[in-house]
Amino acid sequence: MVKIRLSRFGSAHNPHYRIVVTDSRNPRDGGYIENLGHYDPRKTTQEYLKVNAERAAYWLSVGAQPTQTARRLLKSQGVKVA
């Protein structure tokens, strides 16, 4: 199953996440199909959340399932999530 989920990068005590499309069997930080954007939960910059809405909508239309956190972030960027 293809999922849209967060993949952690960043140093200790400074989390940053990529919003990625990946196979659900891959590990959290393993390989991915496509990078859709990034998220900084600490909001250290003005652009702490960036999502390619067009590509996210495409992946949702072909059946990718977002995790709860990814769903919340996509909705906040105006992506229609069923």
Protein backbone atom coordinates (compact mmCIF):
# COMPACT_ATOMS: atom_id res chain seq x y z
CA MET A 1 0.00 0.00 0.00
CA VAL A 2 1.27 3.48 -0.85
CA LYS A 3 1.21 5.97 2.04
CA ILE A 4 1.85 9.67 2.49
CA ARG A 5 3.73 10.07 5.75
CA LEU A 6 6.49 11.95 7.55
CA SER A 7 10.14 10.94 7.37
CA ARG A 8 12.41 12.42 10.01
CA PHE A 9 15.65 14.20 9.23
CA GLY A 10 17.45 16.80 11.32
CA SER A 11 19.69 16.52 14.34
CA ALA A 12 19.01 15.42 17.90
CA HIS A 13 16.49 17.68 19.66
CA ASN A 14 15.91 19.54 16.37
CA PRO A 15 13.36 17.52 14.41
CA HIS A 16 12.52 18.29 10.79
CA TYR A 17 10.34 16.10 8.63
CA ARG A 18 9.93 15.42 4.93
CA ILE A 19 6.42 14.71 3.70
CA VAL A 20 6.96 11.70 1.45
CA VAL A 21 5.11 9.13 -0.62
CA THR A 22 6.38 5.65 0.21
CA ASP A 23 5.48 1.99 0.35
CA SER A 24 4.04 1.20 3.79
CA ARG A 25 6.52 -1.67 4.21
CA ASN A 26 9.54 0.65 4.09
CA PRO A 27 11.05 1.90 7.36
CA ARG A 28 10.20 5.43 8.52
CA ASP A 29 13.44 6.95 7.24
CA GLY A 30 13.96 4.50 4.38
CA GLY A 31 13.66 5.10 0.67
CA TYR A 32 10.65 6.89 -0.73
CA ILE A 33 8.92 7.34 -4.08
CA GLU A 34 8.53 11.12 -4.02
CA ASN A 35 9.21 14.02 -1.67
CA LEU A 36 6.13 16.28 -1.40
CA GLY A 37 7.49 18.91 0.97
CA HIS A 38 8.84 19.55 4.44
CA TYR A 39 7.62 20.41 7.96
CA ASP A 40 9.39 22.00 10.93
CA PRO A 41 7.30 21.39 14.07
CA ARG A 42 9.35 23.92 16.06
CA LYS A 43 8.44 26.66 13.57
CA THR A 44 11.94 28.16 13.58
CA THR A 45 11.48 29.79 10.15
CA GLN A 46 8.64 31.62 8.46
CA GLU A 47 8.26 28.79 5.94
CA TYR A 48 7.95 25.94 8.44
CA LEU A 49 5.49 24.00 6.26
CA LYS A 50 5.79 23.65 2.49
CA VAL A 51 3.78 21.15 0.44
CA ASN A 52 3.55 20.60 -3.30
CA ALA A 53 -0.27 20.58 -3.32
CA GLU A 54 -0.57 19.54 -6.96
CA ARG A 55 1.52 16.40 -6.50
CA ALA A 56 -0.17 15.59 -3.17
CA ALA A 57 -3.58 15.78 -4.86
CA TYR A 58 -2.31 13.48 -7.62
CA TRP A 59 -1.10 10.84 -5.15
CA LEU A 60 -4.37 11.01 -3.21
CA SER A 61 -6.31 10.56 -6.48
CA VAL A 62 -4.44 7.35 -7.31
CA GLY A 63 -5.09 5.85 -3.88
CA ALA A 64 -2.27 6.88 -1.55
CA GLN A 65 -3.38 6.84 2.10
CA PRO A 66 -2.12 9.68 4.32
CA THR A 67 -1.31 9.15 7.99
CA GLN A 68 -3.24 11.24 10.53
CA THR A 69 -0.45 13.80 10.85
CA ALA A 70 0.08 14.01 7.09
CA ARG A 71 -3.68 14.41 6.61
CA ARG A 72 -3.73 17.35 9.07
CA LEU A 73 -0.79 19.05 7.36
CA LEU A 74 -2.23 18.56 3.87
CA LYS A 75 -5.61 19.97 4.94
CA SER A 76 -3.89 23.03 6.41
CA GLN A 77 -2.33 23.67 2.98
CA GLY A 78 -5.69 23.39 1.18
CA VAL A 79 -5.32 19.89 -0.27
CA LYS A 80 -8.66 18.07 -0.51
CA VAL A 81 -8.31 14.92 1.61
CA ALA A 82 -11.26 12.52 1.56
